[in-house]
Amino acid sequence: MSKTLQGIFYCDTGSCGGYSTALKLKSLPIWGMRDWYGGGGYVVHLRPETKAVLRHLKFLQENHWIDTYTRAVLLEFATYNSQINLFGLCVLIAEFAPGDDGAIHESTKMLFK
């Protein structure tokens, strides 16, 4: 991972966009529509501020973070509504087939107290 990437991303797992194992991330496998993904991979933690997120996404796009070898991109985020004590978890998946310009999109939403 370049120092440029380390400087702009928030890294609470120490990964900063580099490869991390499922054990290090404390994650489980996830099923998509085309394949299953073992829980590890290249991870970028985005800061919560909107301007920072947009700046980071632009940086990733300009540096071809998603390339022809990318099979899936997962976006996971959680929200909390303190008025009703409700957590929401969302997982968005975009899967790419080899040699295909399109993506299959899928989402999973969970609510729990």
PDB file of N, CA and C in Angstrom:
ATOM      1  N   MET A   1       0.858  -1.174   0.000  1.00  0.00           N
ATOM      2  CA  MET A   1       0.000   0.000   0.000  1.00  0.00           C
ATOM      3  C   MET A   1       0.892   1.221   0.000  1.00  0.00           C
ATOM      4  N   SER A   2       0.610   2.139  -0.871  1.00  0.00           N
ATOM      5  CA  SER A   2       1.412   3.351  -0.956  1.00  0.00           C
ATOM      6  C   SER A   2       1.112   4.281   0.210  1.00  0.00           C
ATOM      7  N   LYS A   3       2.074   5.160   0.504  1.00  0.00           N
ATOM      8  CA  LYS A   3       1.857   6.133   1.569  1.00  0.00           C
ATOM      9  C   LYS A   3       0.728   7.088   1.196  1.00  0.00           C
ATOM     10  N   THR A   4       0.498   7.291  -0.096  1.00  0.00           N
ATOM     11  CA  THR A   4      -0.596   8.154  -0.530  1.00  0.00           C
ATOM     12  C   THR A   4      -1.926   7.581  -0.066  1.00  0.00           C
ATOM     13  N   LEU A   5      -2.125   6.299  -0.253  1.00  0.00           N
ATOM     14  CA  LEU A   5      -3.370   5.667   0.194  1.00  0.00           C
ATOM     15  C   LEU A   5      -3.472   5.675   1.710  1.00  0.00           C
ATOM     16  N   GLN A   6      -2.378   5.379   2.398  1.00  0.00           N
ATOM     17  CA  GLN A   6      -2.424   5.367   3.849  1.00  0.00           C
ATOM     18  C   GLN A   6      -2.771   6.737   4.397  1.00  0.00           C
ATOM     19  N   GLY A   7      -2.382   7.782   3.716  1.00  0.00           N
ATOM     20  CA  GLY A   7      -2.631   9.130   4.191  1.00  0.00           C
ATOM     21  C   GLY A   7      -4.076   9.577   4.050  1.00  0.00           C
ATOM     22  N   ILE A   8      -4.853   9.000   3.108  1.00  0.00           N
ATOM     23  CA  ILE A   8      -6.202   9.516   2.896  1.00  0.00           C
ATOM     24  C   ILE A   8      -7.299   8.629   3.460  1.00  0.00           C
ATOM     25  N   PHE A   9      -6.983   7.410   3.853  1.00  0.00           N
ATOM     26  CA  PHE A   9      -8.014   6.516   4.353  1.00  0.00           C
ATOM     27  C   PHE A   9      -7.897   6.289   5.845  1.00  0.00           C
ATOM     28  N   TYR A  10      -9.037   6.098   6.458  1.00  0.00           N
ATOM     29  CA  TYR A  10      -9.104   5.757   7.876  1.00  0.00           C
ATOM     30  C   TYR A  10      -8.888   4.264   7.989  1.00  0.00           C
ATOM     31  N   CYS A  11      -7.928   3.852   8.777  1.00  0.00           N
ATOM     32  CA  CYS A  11      -7.556   2.438   8.825  1.00  0.00           C
ATOM     33  C   CYS A  11      -7.647   1.904  10.239  1.00  0.00           C
ATOM     34  N   ASP A  12      -8.800   1.365  10.629  1.00  0.00           N
ATOM     35  CA  ASP A  12      -8.913   0.827  11.980  1.00  0.00           C
ATOM     36  C   ASP A  12      -8.498  -0.632  12.068  1.00  0.00           C
ATOM     37  N   THR A  13      -8.351  -1.321  10.943  1.00  0.00           N
ATOM     38  CA  THR A  13      -7.889  -2.715  10.984  1.00  0.00           C
ATOM     39  C   THR A  13      -6.438  -2.814  10.534  1.00  0.00           C
ATOM     40  N   GLY A  14      -5.839  -1.700  10.182  1.00  0.00           N
ATOM     41  CA  GLY A  14      -4.468  -1.712   9.709  1.00  0.00           C
ATOM     42  C   GLY A  14      -4.345  -2.109   8.253  1.00  0.00           C
ATOM     43  N   SER A  15      -5.444  -2.291   7.547  1.00  0.00           N
ATOM     44  CA  SER A  15      -5.380  -2.768   6.170  1.00  0.00           C
ATOM     45  C   SER A  15      -5.132  -1.646   5.177  1.00  0.00           C
ATOM     46  N   CYS A  16      -5.790  -0.537   5.316  1.00  0.00           N
ATOM     47  CA  CYS A  16      -5.619   0.640   4.449  1.00  0.00           C
ATOM     48  C   CYS A  16      -5.670   0.309   2.963  1.00  0.00           C
ATOM     49  N   GLY A  17      -6.557  -0.546   2.547  1.00  0.00           N
ATOM     50  CA  GLY A  17      -6.695  -0.867   1.133  1.00  0.00           C
ATOM     51  C   GLY A  17      -5.892  -2.077   0.711  1.00  0.00           C
ATOM     52  N   GLY A  18      -4.988  -2.562   1.548  1.00  0.00           N
ATOM     53  CA  GLY A  18      -4.222  -3.754   1.242  1.00  0.00           C
ATOM     54  C   GLY A  18      -5.040  -5.002   1.538  1.00  0.00           C
ATOM     55  N   TYR A  19      -4.506  -6.146   1.146  1.00  0.00           N
ATOM     56  CA  TYR A  19      -5.230  -7.404   1.354  1.00  0.00           C
ATOM     57  C   TYR A  19      -5.269  -7.754   2.834  1.00  0.00           C
ATOM     58  N   SER A  20      -6.432  -8.176   3.308  1.00  0.00           N
ATOM     59  CA  SER A  20      -6.604  -8.647   4.684  1.00  0.00           C
ATOM     60  C   SER A  20      -7.325  -9.981   4.652  1.00  0.00           C
ATOM     61  N   THR A  21      -6.928 -10.866   5.537  1.00  0.00           N
ATOM     62  CA  THR A  21      -7.585 -12.172   5.621  1.00  0.00           C
ATOM     63  C   THR A  21      -8.912 -12.043   6.359  1.00  0.00           C
ATOM     64  N   ALA A  22      -9.759 -13.054   6.193  1.00  0.00           N
ATOM     65  CA  ALA A  22     -11.038 -13.076   6.896  1.00  0.00           C
ATOM     66  C   ALA A  22     -10.815 -13.117   8.406  1.00  0.00           C
ATOM     67  N   LEU A  23      -9.780 -13.807   8.854  1.00  0.00           N
ATOM     68  CA  LEU A  23      -9.482 -13.884  10.277  1.00  0.00           C
ATOM     69  C   LEU A  23      -9.130 -12.508  10.839  1.00  0.00           C
ATOM     70  N   LYS A  24      -8.309 -11.779  10.108  1.00  0.00           N
ATOM     71  CA  LYS A  24      -7.917 -10.438  10.556  1.00  0.00           C
ATOM     72  C   LYS A  24      -9.120  -9.490  10.581  1.00  0.00           C
ATOM     73  N   LEU A  25     -10.010  -9.625   9.593  1.00  0.00           N
ATOM     74  CA  LEU A  25     -11.185  -8.762   9.515  1.00  0.00           C
ATOM     75  C   LEU A  25     -12.325  -9.237  10.411  1.00  0.00           C
ATOM     76  N   LYS A  26     -12.199 -10.457  10.947  1.00  0.00           N
ATOM     77  CA  LYS A  26     -13.264 -11.069  11.758  1.00  0.00           C
ATOM     78  C   LYS A  26     -14.568 -11.112  10.969  1.00  0.00           C
ATOM     79  N   SER A  27     -14.465 -11.598   9.733  1.00  0.00           N
ATOM     80  CA  SER A  27     -15.640 -11.646   8.855  1.00  0.00           C
ATOM     81  C   SER A  27     -15.940 -13.078   8.427  1.00  0.00           C
ATOM     82  N   LEU A  28     -17.142 -13.259   7.938  1.00  0.00           N
ATOM     83  CA  LEU A  28     -17.612 -14.560   7.479  1.00  0.00           C
ATOM     84  C   LEU A  28     -17.780 -14.547   5.968  1.00  0.00           C
ATOM     85  N   PRO A  29     -17.822 -15.719   5.341  1.00  0.00           N
ATOM     86  CA  PRO A  29     -18.094 -15.760   3.900  1.00  0.00           C
ATOM     87  C   PRO A  29     -19.470 -15.178   3.578  1.00  0.00           C
ATOM     88  N   ILE A  30     -19.617 -14.681   2.372  1.00  0.00           N
ATOM     89  CA  ILE A  30     -20.898 -14.125   1.936  1.00  0.00           C
ATOM     90  C   ILE A  30     -21.223 -14.689   0.550  1.00  0.00           C
ATOM     91  N   TRP A  31     -22.483 -15.034   0.347  1.00  0.00           N
ATOM     92  CA  TRP A  31     -22.936 -15.571  -0.933  1.00  0.00           C
ATOM     93  C   TRP A  31     -23.425 -14.431  -1.807  1.00  0.00           C
ATOM     94  N   GLY A  32     -22.964 -14.425  -3.054  1.00  0.00           N
ATOM     95  CA  GLY A  32     -23.486 -13.503  -4.038  1.00  0.00           C
ATOM     96  C   GLY A  32     -24.370 -14.259  -5.004  1.00  0.00           C
ATOM     97  N   MET A  33     -24.668 -13.658  -6.133  1.00  0.00           N
ATOM     98  CA  MET A  33     -25.483 -14.338  -7.144  1.00  0.00           C
ATOM     99  C   MET A  33     -24.620 -15.191  -8.077  1.00  0.00           C
ATOM    100  N   ARG A  34     -23.339 -14.837  -8.230  1.00  0.00           N
ATOM    101  CA  ARG A  34     -22.444 -15.579  -9.115  1.00  0.00           C
ATOM    102  C   ARG A  34     -21.509 -16.519  -8.373  1.00  0.00           C
ATOM    103  N   ASP A  35     -21.149 -16.163  -7.140  1.00  0.00           N
ATOM    104  CA  ASP A  35     -20.127 -16.916  -6.429  1.00  0.00           C
ATOM    105  C   ASP A  35     -20.238 -16.624  -4.935  1.00  0.00           C
ATOM    106  N   TRP A  36     -19.398 -17.252  -4.141  1.00  0.00           N
ATOM    107  CA  TRP A  36     -19.308 -16.912  -2.726  1.00  0.00           C
ATOM    108  C   TRP A  36     -17.934 -16.333  -2.486  1.00  0.00           C
ATOM    109  N   TYR A  37     -17.841 -15.489  -1.487  1.00  0.00           N
ATOM    110  CA  TYR A  37     -16.619 -14.741  -1.218  1.00  0.00           C
ATOM    111  C   TYR A  37     -16.200 -15.032   0.213  1.00  0.00           C
ATOM    112  N   GLY A  38     -14.936 -15.436   0.375  1.00  0.00           N
ATOM    113  CA  GLY A  38     -14.451 -16.001   1.615  1.00  0.00           C
ATOM    114  C   GLY A  38     -14.302 -15.092   2.815  1.00  0.00           C
ATOM    115  N   GLY A  39     -14.612 -13.827   2.714  1.00  0.00           N
ATOM    116  CA  GLY A  39     -14.542 -12.950   3.872  1.00  0.00           C
ATOM    117  C   GLY A  39     -13.298 -12.076   3.909  1.00  0.00           C
ATOM    118  N   GLY A  40     -12.255 -12.439   3.192  1.00  0.00           N
ATOM    119  CA  GLY A  40     -11.050 -11.623   3.110  1.00  0.00           C
ATOM    120  C   GLY A  40     -11.056 -10.827   1.819  1.00  0.00           C
ATOM    121  N   GLY A  41     -10.095  -9.948   1.681  1.00  0.00           N
ATOM    122  CA  GLY A  41      -9.988  -9.192   0.442  1.00  0.00           C
ATOM    123  C   GLY A  41      -9.324  -7.850   0.659  1.00  0.00           C
ATOM    124  N   TYR A  42      -9.435  -6.993  -0.331  1.00  0.00           N
ATOM    125  CA  TYR A  42      -8.876  -5.649  -0.259  1.00  0.00           C
ATOM    126  C   TYR A  42      -9.925  -4.738   0.352  1.00  0.00           C
ATOM    127  N   VAL A  43      -9.583  -4.116   1.454  1.00  0.00           N
ATOM    128  CA  VAL A  43     -10.553  -3.361   2.243  1.00  0.00           C
ATOM    129  C   VAL A  43     -10.144  -1.899   2.332  1.00  0.00           C
ATOM    130  N   VAL A  44     -11.121  -1.040   2.156  1.00  0.00           N
ATOM    131  CA  VAL A  44     -10.921   0.396   2.377  1.00  0.00           C
ATOM    132  C   VAL A  44     -12.002   0.859   3.333  1.00  0.00           C
ATOM    133  N   HIS A  45     -11.592   1.456   4.430  1.00  0.00           N
ATOM    134  CA  HIS A  45     -12.536   2.026   5.387  1.00  0.00           C
ATOM    135  C   HIS A  45     -12.670   3.508   5.066  1.00  0.00           C
ATOM    136  N   LEU A  46     -13.896   3.934   4.800  1.00  0.00           N
ATOM    137  CA  LEU A  46     -14.135   5.333   4.455  1.00  0.00           C
ATOM    138  C   LEU A  46     -14.518   6.118   5.698  1.00  0.00           C
ATOM    139  N   ARG A  47     -14.109   7.368   5.723  1.00  0.00           N
ATOM    140  CA  ARG A  47     -14.458   8.257   6.833  1.00  0.00           C
ATOM    141  C   ARG A  47     -15.939   8.616   6.737  1.00  0.00           C
ATOM    142  N   PRO A  48     -16.557   8.998   7.836  1.00  0.00           N
ATOM    143  CA  PRO A  48     -18.002   9.269   7.807  1.00  0.00           C
ATOM    144  C   PRO A  48     -18.401  10.599   7.167  1.00  0.00           C
ATOM    145  N   GLU A  49     -17.476  11.522   6.966  1.00  0.00           N
ATOM    146  CA  GLU A  49     -17.844  12.819   6.385  1.00  0.00           C
ATOM    147  C   GLU A  49     -18.086  12.679   4.876  1.00  0.00           C
ATOM    148  N   THR A  50     -19.161  13.284   4.384  1.00  0.00           N
ATOM    149  CA  THR A  50     -19.550  13.149   2.974  1.00  0.00           C
ATOM    150  C   THR A  50     -18.456  13.623   2.030  1.00  0.00           C
ATOM    151  N   LYS A  51     -17.878  14.777   2.283  1.00  0.00           N
ATOM    152  CA  LYS A  51     -16.827  15.299   1.388  1.00  0.00           C
ATOM    153  C   LYS A  51     -15.630  14.365   1.343  1.00  0.00           C
ATOM    154  N   ALA A  52     -15.269  13.805   2.490  1.00  0.00           N
ATOM    155  CA  ALA A  52     -14.138  12.880   2.535  1.00  0.00           C
ATOM    156  C   ALA A  52     -14.447  11.603   1.759  1.00  0.00           C
ATOM    157  N   VAL A  53     -15.659  11.084   1.899  1.00  0.00           N
ATOM    158  CA  VAL A  53     -16.051   9.872   1.167  1.00  0.00           C
ATOM    159  C   VAL A  53     -15.981  10.123  -0.342  1.00  0.00           C
ATOM    160  N   LEU A  54     -16.528  11.234  -0.792  1.00  0.00           N
ATOM    161  CA  LEU A  54     -16.500  11.548  -2.228  1.00  0.00           C
ATOM    162  C   LEU A  54     -15.071  11.707  -2.729  1.00  0.00           C
ATOM    163  N   ARG A  55     -14.215  12.337  -1.938  1.00  0.00           N
ATOM    164  CA  ARG A  55     -12.810  12.504  -2.318  1.00  0.00           C
ATOM    165  C   ARG A  55     -12.118  11.140  -2.415  1.00  0.00           C
ATOM    166  N   HIS A  56     -12.396  10.263  -1.456  1.00  0.00           N
ATOM    167  CA  HIS A  56     -11.773   8.937  -1.459  1.00  0.00           C
ATOM    168  C   HIS A  56     -12.260   8.086  -2.629  1.00  0.00           C
ATOM    169  N   LEU A  57     -13.559   8.136  -2.910  1.00  0.00           N
ATOM    170  CA  LEU A  57     -14.090   7.373  -4.043  1.00  0.00           C
ATOM    171  C   LEU A  57     -13.504   7.866  -5.361  1.00  0.00           C
ATOM    172  N   LYS A  58     -13.329   9.165  -5.481  1.00  0.00           N
ATOM    173  CA  LYS A  58     -12.708   9.717  -6.691  1.00  0.00           C
ATOM    174  C   LYS A  58     -11.269   9.236  -6.812  1.00  0.00           C
ATOM    175  N   PHE A  59     -10.548   9.215  -5.706  1.00  0.00           N
ATOM    176  CA  PHE A  59      -9.169   8.720  -5.711  1.00  0.00           C
ATOM    177  C   PHE A  59      -9.122   7.262  -6.155  1.00  0.00           C
ATOM    178  N   LEU A  60     -10.021   6.442  -5.605  1.00  0.00           N
ATOM    179  CA  LEU A  60     -10.061   5.028  -5.993  1.00  0.00           C
ATOM    180  C   LEU A  60     -10.365   4.861  -7.475  1.00  0.00           C
ATOM    181  N   GLN A  61     -11.309   5.658  -7.989  1.00  0.00           N
ATOM    182  CA  GLN A  61     -11.665   5.585  -9.398  1.00  0.00           C
ATOM    183  C   GLN A  61     -10.491   6.003 -10.277  1.00  0.00           C
ATOM    184  N   GLU A  62      -9.843   7.089  -9.943  1.00  0.00           N
ATOM    185  CA  GLU A  62      -8.722   7.584 -10.743  1.00  0.00           C
ATOM    186  C   GLU A  62      -7.541   6.627 -10.740  1.00  0.00           C
ATOM    187  N   ASN A  63      -7.395   5.847  -9.681  1.00  0.00           N
ATOM    188  CA  ASN A  63      -6.282   4.907  -9.570  1.00  0.00           C
ATOM    189  C   ASN A  63      -6.681   3.475  -9.901  1.00  0.00           C
ATOM    190  N   HIS A  64      -7.848   3.302 -10.531  1.00  0.00           N
ATOM    191  CA  HIS A  64      -8.310   2.004 -11.057  1.00  0.00           C
ATOM    192  C   HIS A  64      -8.304   0.919  -9.987  1.00  0.00           C
ATOM    193  N   TRP A  65      -8.861   1.269  -8.814  1.00  0.00           N
ATOM    194  CA  TRP A  65      -8.945   0.295  -7.727  1.00  0.00           C
ATOM    195  C   TRP A  65      -9.832  -0.870  -8.135  1.00  0.00           C
ATOM    196  N   ILE A  66     -10.878  -0.622  -8.905  1.00  0.00           N
ATOM    197  CA  ILE A  66     -11.699  -1.676  -9.486  1.00  0.00           C
ATOM    198  C   ILE A  66     -11.187  -1.880 -10.903  1.00  0.00           C
ATOM    199  N   ASP A  67     -10.660  -3.074 -11.183  1.00  0.00           N
ATOM    200  CA  ASP A  67     -10.073  -3.338 -12.489  1.00  0.00           C
ATOM    201  C   ASP A  67     -10.650  -4.620 -13.088  1.00  0.00           C
ATOM    202  N   THR A  68     -10.022  -5.124 -14.131  1.00  0.00           N
ATOM    203  CA  THR A  68     -10.537  -6.318 -14.811  1.00  0.00           C
ATOM    204  C   THR A  68     -10.432  -7.576 -13.952  1.00  0.00           C
ATOM    205  N   TYR A  69      -9.636  -7.547 -12.897  1.00  0.00           N
ATOM    206  CA  TYR A  69      -9.493  -8.700 -12.014  1.00  0.00           C
ATOM    207  C   TYR A  69     -10.493  -8.684 -10.855  1.00  0.00           C
ATOM    208  N   THR A  70     -11.220  -7.591 -10.713  1.00  0.00           N
ATOM    209  CA  THR A  70     -12.191  -7.466  -9.634  1.00  0.00           C
ATOM    210  C   THR A  70     -13.389  -8.366  -9.910  1.00  0.00           C
ATOM    211  N   ARG A  71     -13.769  -9.184  -8.936  1.00  0.00           N
ATOM    212  CA  ARG A  71     -14.921 -10.072  -9.087  1.00  0.00           C
ATOM    213  C   ARG A  71     -16.135  -9.559  -8.341  1.00  0.00           C
ATOM    214  N   ALA A  72     -15.913  -8.816  -7.256  1.00  0.00           N
ATOM    215  CA  ALA A  72     -17.045  -8.277  -6.499  1.00  0.00           C
ATOM    216  C   ALA A  72     -16.591  -7.085  -5.666  1.00  0.00           C
ATOM    217  N   VAL A  73     -17.511  -6.162  -5.478  1.00  0.00           N
ATOM    218  CA  VAL A  73     -17.302  -5.034  -4.575  1.00  0.00           C
ATOM    219  C   VAL A  73     -18.445  -5.071  -3.569  1.00  0.00           C
ATOM    220  N   LEU A  74     -18.102  -5.093  -2.298  1.00  0.00           N
ATOM    221  CA  LEU A  74     -19.108  -5.108  -1.234  1.00  0.00           C
ATOM    222  C   LEU A  74     -19.012  -3.801  -0.465  1.00  0.00           C
ATOM    223  N   LEU A  75     -20.154  -3.195  -0.271  1.00  0.00           N
ATOM    224  CA  LEU A  75     -20.239  -1.979   0.529  1.00  0.00           C
ATOM    225  C   LEU A  75     -21.099  -2.309   1.738  1.00  0.00           C
ATOM    226  N   GLU A  76     -20.505  -2.249   2.908  1.00  0.00           N
ATOM    227  CA  GLU A  76     -21.215  -2.572   4.140  1.00  0.00           C
ATOM    228  C   GLU A  76     -21.277  -1.334   5.016  1.00  0.00           C
ATOM    229  N   PHE A  77     -22.460  -1.061   5.530  1.00  0.00           N
ATOM    230  CA  PHE A  77     -22.570   0.047   6.466  1.00  0.00           C
ATOM    231  C   PHE A  77     -23.712  -0.205   7.434  1.00  0.00           C
ATOM    232  N   ALA A  78     -23.622   0.470   8.566  1.00  0.00           N
ATOM    233  CA  ALA A  78     -24.637   0.324   9.611  1.00  0.00           C
ATOM    234  C   ALA A  78     -25.140   1.703  10.012  1.00  0.00           C
ATOM    235  N   THR A  79     -26.386   1.754  10.422  1.00  0.00           N
ATOM    236  CA  THR A  79     -26.985   2.991  10.927  1.00  0.00           C
ATOM    237  C   THR A  79     -27.652   2.685  12.263  1.00  0.00           C
ATOM    238  N   TYR A  80     -27.869   3.729  13.034  1.00  0.00           N
ATOM    239  CA  TYR A  80     -28.528   3.575  14.322  1.00  0.00           C
ATOM    240  C   TYR A  80     -29.523   4.709  14.503  1.00  0.00           C
ATOM    241  N   ASN A  81     -30.744   4.364  14.846  1.00  0.00           N
ATOM    242  CA  ASN A  81     -31.783   5.337  15.148  1.00  0.00           C
ATOM    243  C   ASN A  81     -31.993   5.313  16.652  1.00  0.00           C
ATOM    244  N   SER A  82     -31.478   6.342  17.327  1.00  0.00           N
ATOM    245  CA  SER A  82     -31.549   6.369  18.790  1.00  0.00           C
ATOM    246  C   SER A  82     -32.960   6.610  19.315  1.00  0.00           C
ATOM    247  N   GLN A  83     -33.811   7.199  18.508  1.00  0.00           N
ATOM    248  CA  GLN A  83     -35.181   7.471  18.965  1.00  0.00           C
ATOM    249  C   GLN A  83     -35.976   6.186  19.208  1.00  0.00           C
ATOM    250  N   ILE A  84     -35.696   5.168  18.400  1.00  0.00           N
ATOM    251  CA  ILE A  84     -36.428   3.901  18.566  1.00  0.00           C
ATOM    252  C   ILE A  84     -35.491   2.733  18.883  1.00  0.00           C
ATOM    253  N   ASN A  85     -34.215   3.048  19.162  1.00  0.00           N
ATOM    254  CA  ASN A  85     -33.223   2.037  19.533  1.00  0.00           C
ATOM    255  C   ASN A  85     -33.156   0.915  18.486  1.00  0.00           C
ATOM    256  N   LEU A  86     -32.950   1.288  17.232  1.00  0.00           N
ATOM    257  CA  LEU A  86     -32.952   0.323  16.132  1.00  0.00           C
ATOM    258  C   LEU A  86     -31.680   0.460  15.303  1.00  0.00           C
ATOM    259  N   PHE A  87     -30.996  -0.656  15.109  1.00  0.00           N
ATOM    260  CA  PHE A  87     -29.818  -0.706  14.253  1.00  0.00           C
ATOM    261  C   PHE A  87     -30.247  -1.204  12.876  1.00  0.00           C
ATOM    262  N   GLY A  88     -29.613  -0.685  11.852  1.00  0.00           N
ATOM    263  CA  GLY A  88     -29.835  -1.177  10.500  1.00  0.00           C
ATOM    264  C   GLY A  88     -28.491  -1.526   9.880  1.00  0.00           C
ATOM    265  N   LEU A  89     -28.404  -2.661   9.238  1.00  0.00           N
ATOM    266  CA  LEU A  89     -27.185  -3.105   8.581  1.00  0.00           C
ATOM    267  C   LEU A  89     -27.510  -3.341   7.118  1.00  0.00           C
ATOM    268  N   CYS A  90     -26.671  -2.844   6.234  1.00  0.00           N
ATOM    269  CA  CYS A  90     -26.900  -2.996   4.798  1.00  0.00           C
ATOM    270  C   CYS A  90     -25.621  -3.500   4.133  1.00  0.00           C
ATOM    271  N   VAL A  91     -25.758  -4.464   3.261  1.00  0.00           N
ATOM    272  CA  VAL A  91     -24.655  -4.972   2.467  1.00  0.00           C
ATOM    273  C   VAL A  91     -25.064  -4.870   1.003  1.00  0.00           C
ATOM    274  N   LEU A  92     -24.337  -4.073   0.247  1.00  0.00           N
ATOM    275  CA  LEU A  92     -24.572  -3.946  -1.191  1.00  0.00           C
ATOM    276  C   LEU A  92     -23.454  -4.684  -1.919  1.00  0.00           C
ATOM    277  N   ILE A  93     -23.823  -5.504  -2.881  1.00  0.00           N
ATOM    278  CA  ILE A  93     -22.840  -6.294  -3.627  1.00  0.00           C
ATOM    279  C   ILE A  93     -22.976  -5.992  -5.115  1.00  0.00           C
ATOM    280  N   ALA A  94     -21.847  -5.711  -5.745  1.00  0.00           N
ATOM    281  CA  ALA A  94     -21.789  -5.612  -7.210  1.00  0.00           C
ATOM    282  C   ALA A  94     -20.800  -6.683  -7.662  1.00  0.00           C
ATOM    283  N   GLU A  95     -21.285  -7.648  -8.433  1.00  0.00           N
ATOM    284  CA  GLU A  95     -20.434  -8.745  -8.906  1.00  0.00           C
ATOM    285  C   GLU A  95     -20.132  -8.557 -10.386  1.00  0.00           C
ATOM    286  N   PHE A  96     -18.906  -8.880 -10.761  1.00  0.00           N
ATOM    287  CA  PHE A  96     -18.453  -8.717 -12.142  1.00  0.00           C
ATOM    288  C   PHE A  96     -18.014 -10.070 -12.687  1.00  0.00           C
ATOM    289  N   ALA A  97     -18.415 -10.384 -13.909  1.00  0.00           N
ATOM    290  CA  ALA A  97     -17.989 -11.618 -14.562  1.00  0.00           C
ATOM    291  C   ALA A  97     -16.747 -11.331 -15.392  1.00  0.00           C
ATOM    292  N   PRO A  98     -15.860 -12.309 -15.535  1.00  0.00           N
ATOM    293  CA  PRO A  98     -14.682 -12.104 -16.376  1.00  0.00           C
ATOM    294  C   PRO A  98     -15.087 -11.738 -17.802  1.00  0.00           C
ATOM    295  N   GLY A  99     -14.516 -10.686 -18.330  1.00  0.00           N
ATOM    296  CA  GLY A  99     -14.796 -10.266 -19.693  1.00  0.00           C
ATOM    297  C   GLY A  99     -16.135  -9.595 -19.890  1.00  0.00           C
ATOM    298  N   ASP A 100     -16.848  -9.309 -18.819  1.00  0.00           N
ATOM    299  CA  ASP A 100     -18.162  -8.689 -18.905  1.00  0.00           C
ATOM    300  C   ASP A 100     -18.059  -7.250 -18.433  1.00  0.00           C
ATOM    301  N   ASP A 101     -18.691  -6.330 -19.152  1.00  0.00           N
ATOM    302  CA  ASP A 101     -18.645  -4.925 -18.768  1.00  0.00           C
ATOM    303  C   ASP A 101     -19.706  -4.565 -17.750  1.00  0.00           C
ATOM    304  N   GLY A 102     -20.672  -5.424 -17.543  1.00  0.00           N
ATOM    305  CA  GLY A 102     -21.770  -5.125 -16.629  1.00  0.00           C
ATOM    306  C   GLY A 102     -21.558  -5.739 -15.263  1.00  0.00           C
ATOM    307  N   ALA A 103     -22.449  -5.415 -14.373  1.00  0.00           N
ATOM    308  CA  ALA A 103     -22.381  -5.951 -13.018  1.00  0.00           C
ATOM    309  C   ALA A 103     -23.771  -6.397 -12.590  1.00  0.00           C
ATOM    310  N   ILE A 104     -23.801  -7.400 -11.734  1.00  0.00           N
ATOM    311  CA  ILE A 104     -25.043  -7.834 -11.114  1.00  0.00           C
ATOM    312  C   ILE A 104     -25.077  -7.197  -9.727  1.00  0.00           C
ATOM    313  N   HIS A 105     -26.191  -6.578  -9.397  1.00  0.00           N
ATOM    314  CA  HIS A 105     -26.323  -5.900  -8.109  1.00  0.00           C
ATOM    315  C   HIS A 105     -27.260  -6.690  -7.209  1.00  0.00           C
ATOM    316  N   GLU A 106     -26.928  -6.693  -5.948  1.00  0.00           N
ATOM    317  CA  GLU A 106     -27.746  -7.379  -4.958  1.00  0.00           C
ATOM    318  C   GLU A 106     -27.601  -6.622  -3.650  1.00  0.00           C
ATOM    319  N   SER A 107     -28.625  -6.633  -2.836  1.00  0.00           N
ATOM    320  CA  SER A 107     -28.505  -5.975  -1.533  1.00  0.00           C
ATOM    321  C   SER A 107     -29.173  -6.824  -0.461  1.00  0.00           C
ATOM    322  N   THR A 108     -28.656  -6.696   0.731  1.00  0.00           N
ATOM    323  CA  THR A 108     -29.215  -7.363   1.894  1.00  0.00           C
ATOM    324  C   THR A 108     -29.401  -6.316   2.972  1.00  0.00           C
ATOM    325  N   LYS A 109     -30.583  -6.290   3.568  1.00  0.00           N
ATOM    326  CA  LYS A 109     -30.864  -5.326   4.623  1.00  0.00           C
ATOM    327  C   LYS A 109     -31.340  -6.085   5.852  1.00  0.00           C
ATOM    328  N   MET A 110     -30.836  -5.687   7.019  1.00  0.00           N
ATOM    329  CA  MET A 110     -31.246  -6.317   8.264  1.00  0.00           C
ATOM    330  C   MET A 110     -31.525  -5.242   9.302  1.00  0.00           C
ATOM    331  N   LEU A 111     -32.577  -5.406  10.051  1.00  0.00           N
ATOM    332  CA  LEU A 111     -32.906  -4.507  11.154  1.00  0.00           C
ATOM    333  C   LEU A 111     -32.901  -5.325  12.437  1.00  0.00           C
ATOM    334  N   PHE A 112     -32.344  -4.771  13.505  1.00  0.00           N
ATOM    335  CA  PHE A 112     -32.337  -5.464  14.776  1.00  0.00           C
ATOM    336  C   PHE A 112     -32.199  -4.482  15.921  1.00  0.00           C
ATOM    337  N   LYS A 113     -32.678  -4.899  17.074  1.00  0.00           N
ATOM    338  CA  LYS A 113     -32.570  -4.083  18.291  1.00  0.00           C
ATOM    339  C   LYS A 113     -31.514  -4.656  19.193  1.00  0.00           C
TER     340      LYS A 113
END
